[in-house]
Amino acid sequence: MVLKIEEASTDTQTVLSLAGRIESGDVQRLKAEIESLEGPIAFDLDQVRLVNLDAVRFLAVCEKRGIELLNCPPHVRAWVSLEKARVGELE
């Protein structure tokens, strides 16, 4: 299954709804997507089923930079939290 991205804007932020799996190749696509947007951004991860290490590290960095992770599956949330702590130790 490939990553599906749907964009929805509200008065306060742009929400990118992600569905499927997020792999290394998708990270560049997501970076390009967020660079094209202005204002606050959130990722809705409700339909994300699989992630790899590159994707988790990307999500951790995004969250540290203020991108909100909505409806994050528990296994993804736990892994992102571990990576945020690890990245924080390196800074």
N, C-alpha and C. Protein backbone atom coordinates (compact mmCIF):
# COMPACT_ATOMS: atom_id res chain seq x y z
N MET A 1 0.84 -1.19 0.00
CA MET A 1 0.00 0.00 0.00
C MET A 1 0.88 1.24 0.00
N VAL A 2 0.55 2.19 -0.82
CA VAL A 2 1.30 3.44 -0.90
C VAL A 2 0.71 4.46 0.06
N LEU A 3 1.45 5.52 0.28
CA LEU A 3 0.99 6.59 1.14
C LEU A 3 0.02 7.48 0.37
N LYS A 4 -1.12 7.73 0.98
CA LYS A 4 -2.12 8.62 0.40
C LYS A 4 -2.15 9.88 1.27
N ILE A 5 -2.13 11.05 0.61
CA ILE A 5 -2.15 12.32 1.33
C ILE A 5 -3.34 13.14 0.87
N GLU A 6 -4.15 13.58 1.82
CA GLU A 6 -5.26 14.48 1.52
C GLU A 6 -5.09 15.74 2.35
N GLU A 7 -5.28 16.88 1.71
CA GLU A 7 -5.11 18.17 2.37
C GLU A 7 -6.46 18.80 2.65
N ALA A 8 -6.61 19.32 3.85
CA ALA A 8 -7.82 20.06 4.24
C ALA A 8 -7.38 21.27 5.05
N SER A 9 -7.96 22.42 4.74
CA SER A 9 -7.60 23.65 5.45
C SER A 9 -8.76 24.13 6.30
N THR A 10 -8.42 24.64 7.48
CA THR A 10 -9.39 25.29 8.34
C THR A 10 -8.95 26.74 8.50
N ASP A 11 -9.66 27.49 9.31
CA ASP A 11 -9.26 28.88 9.56
C ASP A 11 -7.93 28.97 10.29
N THR A 12 -7.59 27.91 11.03
CA THR A 12 -6.42 27.99 11.90
C THR A 12 -5.23 27.16 11.44
N GLN A 13 -5.45 26.13 10.60
CA GLN A 13 -4.32 25.30 10.19
C GLN A 13 -4.67 24.47 8.96
N THR A 14 -3.61 23.89 8.38
CA THR A 14 -3.77 22.94 7.29
C THR A 14 -3.52 21.55 7.84
N VAL A 15 -4.44 20.64 7.58
CA VAL A 15 -4.31 19.27 8.06
C VAL A 15 -4.03 18.37 6.86
N LEU A 16 -2.94 17.63 6.95
CA LEU A 16 -2.62 16.62 5.95
C LEU A 16 -3.00 15.27 6.53
N SER A 17 -4.04 14.66 5.96
CA SER A 17 -4.47 13.34 6.40
C SER A 17 -3.66 12.30 5.64
N LEU A 18 -2.97 11.44 6.39
CA LEU A 18 -2.11 10.43 5.80
C LEU A 18 -2.75 9.07 5.99
N ALA A 19 -2.65 8.23 4.95
CA ALA A 19 -3.23 6.89 5.03
C ALA A 19 -2.28 5.90 4.36
N GLY A 20 -2.16 4.73 4.97
CA GLY A 20 -1.31 3.68 4.42
C GLY A 20 -0.04 3.52 5.23
N ARG A 21 1.06 3.38 4.52
CA ARG A 21 2.35 3.24 5.19
C ARG A 21 3.26 4.39 4.80
N ILE A 22 4.08 4.81 5.74
CA ILE A 22 5.05 5.88 5.48
C ILE A 22 6.43 5.24 5.49
N GLU A 23 7.12 5.34 4.36
CA GLU A 23 8.44 4.76 4.21
C GLU A 23 9.45 5.85 3.86
N SER A 24 10.69 5.48 3.74
CA SER A 24 11.78 6.43 3.49
C SER A 24 11.50 7.33 2.30
N GLY A 25 11.05 6.76 1.19
CA GLY A 25 10.78 7.56 0.00
C GLY A 25 9.67 8.57 0.17
N ASP A 26 8.77 8.32 1.10
CA ASP A 26 7.66 9.24 1.34
C ASP A 26 8.09 10.47 2.12
N VAL A 27 9.19 10.38 2.84
CA VAL A 27 9.65 11.49 3.66
C VAL A 27 9.94 12.71 2.79
N GLN A 28 10.62 12.53 1.67
CA GLN A 28 10.92 13.66 0.78
C GLN A 28 9.63 14.27 0.22
N ARG A 29 8.68 13.42 -0.11
CA ARG A 29 7.38 13.89 -0.61
C ARG A 29 6.66 14.72 0.45
N LEU A 30 6.70 14.27 1.70
CA LEU A 30 6.07 15.01 2.78
C LEU A 30 6.80 16.33 3.06
N LYS A 31 8.12 16.31 2.98
CA LYS A 31 8.89 17.55 3.17
C LYS A 31 8.49 18.58 2.13
N ALA A 32 8.40 18.16 0.88
CA ALA A 32 8.01 19.07 -0.20
C ALA A 32 6.60 19.60 0.03
N GLU A 33 5.72 18.75 0.50
CA GLU A 33 4.33 19.14 0.76
C GLU A 33 4.27 20.21 1.85
N ILE A 34 4.99 20.01 2.96
CA ILE A 34 4.90 21.00 4.05
C ILE A 34 5.63 22.29 3.69
N GLU A 35 6.66 22.21 2.85
CA GLU A 35 7.35 23.43 2.43
C GLU A 35 6.47 24.30 1.55
N SER A 36 5.50 23.69 0.88
CA SER A 36 4.61 24.45 0.00
C SER A 36 3.46 25.10 0.76
N LEU A 37 3.32 24.79 2.03
CA LEU A 37 2.21 25.30 2.83
C LEU A 37 2.64 26.44 3.72
N GLU A 38 1.68 27.29 4.05
CA GLU A 38 1.94 28.39 4.98
C GLU A 38 1.08 28.20 6.22
N GLY A 39 1.56 28.73 7.32
CA GLY A 39 0.80 28.67 8.56
C GLY A 39 0.96 27.34 9.27
N PRO A 40 0.21 27.19 10.36
CA PRO A 40 0.29 25.95 11.15
C PRO A 40 -0.14 24.73 10.34
N ILE A 41 0.55 23.63 10.59
CA ILE A 41 0.30 22.37 9.88
C ILE A 41 0.10 21.27 10.91
N ALA A 42 -0.76 20.33 10.57
CA ALA A 42 -0.95 19.13 11.40
C ALA A 42 -1.01 17.92 10.47
N PHE A 43 -0.53 16.79 10.98
CA PHE A 43 -0.67 15.52 10.29
C PHE A 43 -1.73 14.72 11.02
N ASP A 44 -2.74 14.23 10.29
CA ASP A 44 -3.71 13.32 10.87
C ASP A 44 -3.25 11.92 10.50
N LEU A 45 -2.84 11.15 11.49
CA LEU A 45 -2.24 9.84 11.27
C LEU A 45 -3.21 8.69 11.56
N ASP A 46 -4.48 8.99 11.62
CA ASP A 46 -5.48 7.98 11.99
C ASP A 46 -5.43 6.74 11.08
N GLN A 47 -5.17 6.94 9.81
CA GLN A 47 -5.19 5.83 8.85
C GLN A 47 -3.79 5.27 8.52
N VAL A 48 -2.78 5.70 9.27
CA VAL A 48 -1.42 5.19 9.06
C VAL A 48 -1.29 3.85 9.77
N ARG A 49 -0.83 2.85 9.04
CA ARG A 49 -0.72 1.51 9.60
C ARG A 49 0.72 1.08 9.85
N LEU A 50 1.63 1.47 8.97
CA LEU A 50 3.04 1.08 9.11
C LEU A 50 3.93 2.29 8.89
N VAL A 51 5.03 2.34 9.63
CA VAL A 51 6.05 3.37 9.46
C VAL A 51 7.41 2.70 9.59
N ASN A 52 8.40 3.28 8.92
CA ASN A 52 9.75 2.77 9.14
C ASN A 52 10.54 3.80 9.95
N LEU A 53 11.79 3.49 10.24
CA LEU A 53 12.60 4.35 11.10
C LEU A 53 12.76 5.76 10.54
N ASP A 54 13.02 5.88 9.24
CA ASP A 54 13.16 7.22 8.64
C ASP A 54 11.89 8.03 8.83
N ALA A 55 10.74 7.40 8.64
CA ALA A 55 9.47 8.08 8.80
C ALA A 55 9.26 8.54 10.24
N VAL A 56 9.60 7.68 11.19
CA VAL A 56 9.43 8.03 12.60
C VAL A 56 10.36 9.19 12.98
N ARG A 57 11.57 9.15 12.50
CA ARG A 57 12.50 10.26 12.79
C ARG A 57 11.99 11.56 12.19
N PHE A 58 11.44 11.49 10.98
CA PHE A 58 10.86 12.66 10.34
C PHE A 58 9.69 13.20 11.17
N LEU A 59 8.80 12.33 11.60
CA LEU A 59 7.66 12.76 12.41
C LEU A 59 8.13 13.37 13.73
N ALA A 60 9.16 12.80 14.32
CA ALA A 60 9.69 13.35 15.58
C ALA A 60 10.23 14.76 15.38
N VAL A 61 10.96 14.97 14.30
CA VAL A 61 11.50 16.30 14.00
C VAL A 61 10.36 17.26 13.71
N CYS A 62 9.37 16.82 12.94
CA CYS A 62 8.22 17.67 12.64
C CYS A 62 7.53 18.11 13.91
N GLU A 63 7.30 17.17 14.81
CA GLU A 63 6.63 17.51 16.06
C GLU A 63 7.46 18.49 16.88
N LYS A 64 8.76 18.30 16.91
CA LYS A 64 9.63 19.24 17.65
C LYS A 64 9.57 20.64 17.04
N ARG A 65 9.28 20.71 15.74
CA ARG A 65 9.21 22.00 15.04
C ARG A 65 7.80 22.59 15.06
N GLY A 66 6.87 21.92 15.75
CA GLY A 66 5.55 22.51 15.93
C GLY A 66 4.44 21.92 15.08
N ILE A 67 4.73 20.91 14.28
CA ILE A 67 3.68 20.26 13.51
C ILE A 67 2.96 19.28 14.43
N GLU A 68 1.66 19.45 14.53
CA GLU A 68 0.87 18.62 15.43
C GLU A 68 0.60 17.25 14.81
N LEU A 69 0.72 16.19 15.60
CA LEU A 69 0.42 14.84 15.15
C LEU A 69 -0.92 14.44 15.74
N LEU A 70 -1.95 14.46 14.91
CA LEU A 70 -3.31 14.15 15.35
C LEU A 70 -3.61 12.67 15.17
N ASN A 71 -4.40 12.10 16.06
CA ASN A 71 -4.87 10.71 15.94
C ASN A 71 -3.73 9.73 15.66
N CYS A 72 -2.64 9.93 16.36
CA CYS A 72 -1.45 9.10 16.17
C CYS A 72 -1.68 7.72 16.79
N PRO A 73 -1.54 6.64 16.00
CA PRO A 73 -1.69 5.30 16.56
C PRO A 73 -0.71 5.08 17.73
N PRO A 74 -1.11 4.35 18.75
CA PRO A 74 -0.27 4.18 19.94
C PRO A 74 1.14 3.65 19.64
N HIS A 75 1.27 2.70 18.72
CA HIS A 75 2.60 2.17 18.44
C HIS A 75 3.48 3.21 17.74
N VAL A 76 2.88 4.06 16.92
CA VAL A 76 3.65 5.13 16.28
C VAL A 76 4.00 6.20 17.30
N ARG A 77 3.04 6.56 18.16
CA ARG A 77 3.29 7.57 19.20
C ARG A 77 4.45 7.16 20.10
N ALA A 78 4.47 5.90 20.51
CA ALA A 78 5.54 5.41 21.39
C ALA A 78 6.89 5.53 20.70
N TRP A 79 6.95 5.16 19.44
CA TRP A 79 8.21 5.19 18.71
C TRP A 79 8.67 6.63 18.46
N VAL A 80 7.72 7.52 18.12
CA VAL A 80 8.06 8.93 17.92
C VAL A 80 8.60 9.52 19.22
N SER A 81 7.98 9.19 20.34
CA SER A 81 8.45 9.71 21.63
C SER A 81 9.87 9.25 21.93
N LEU A 82 10.17 8.00 21.63
CA LEU A 82 11.54 7.49 21.83
C LEU A 82 12.53 8.24 20.94
N GLU A 83 12.17 8.46 19.70
CA GLU A 83 13.07 9.16 18.78
C GLU A 83 13.25 10.63 19.17
N LYS A 84 12.19 11.27 19.65
CA LYS A 84 12.32 12.67 20.11
C LYS A 84 13.30 12.75 21.27
N ALA A 85 13.23 11.79 22.19
CA ALA A 85 14.15 11.77 23.32
C ALA A 85 15.57 11.54 22.84
N ARG A 86 15.74 10.64 21.89
CA ARG A 86 17.07 10.34 21.36
C ARG A 86 17.66 11.55 20.64
N VAL A 87 16.85 12.20 19.82
CA VAL A 87 17.30 13.38 19.10
C VAL A 87 17.65 14.50 20.09
N GLY A 88 16.85 14.63 21.14
CA GLY A 88 17.12 15.64 22.16
C GLY A 88 18.45 15.42 22.84
N GLU A 89 18.83 14.16 23.02
CA GLU A 89 20.12 13.85 23.64
C GLU A 89 21.29 14.24 22.74
N LEU A 90 21.07 14.23 21.44
CA LEU A 90 22.14 14.56 20.49
C LEU A 90 22.31 16.05 20.30
N GLU A 91 21.30 16.83 20.68
CA GLU A 91 21.37 18.28 20.47
C GLU A 91 22.21 18.96 21.53
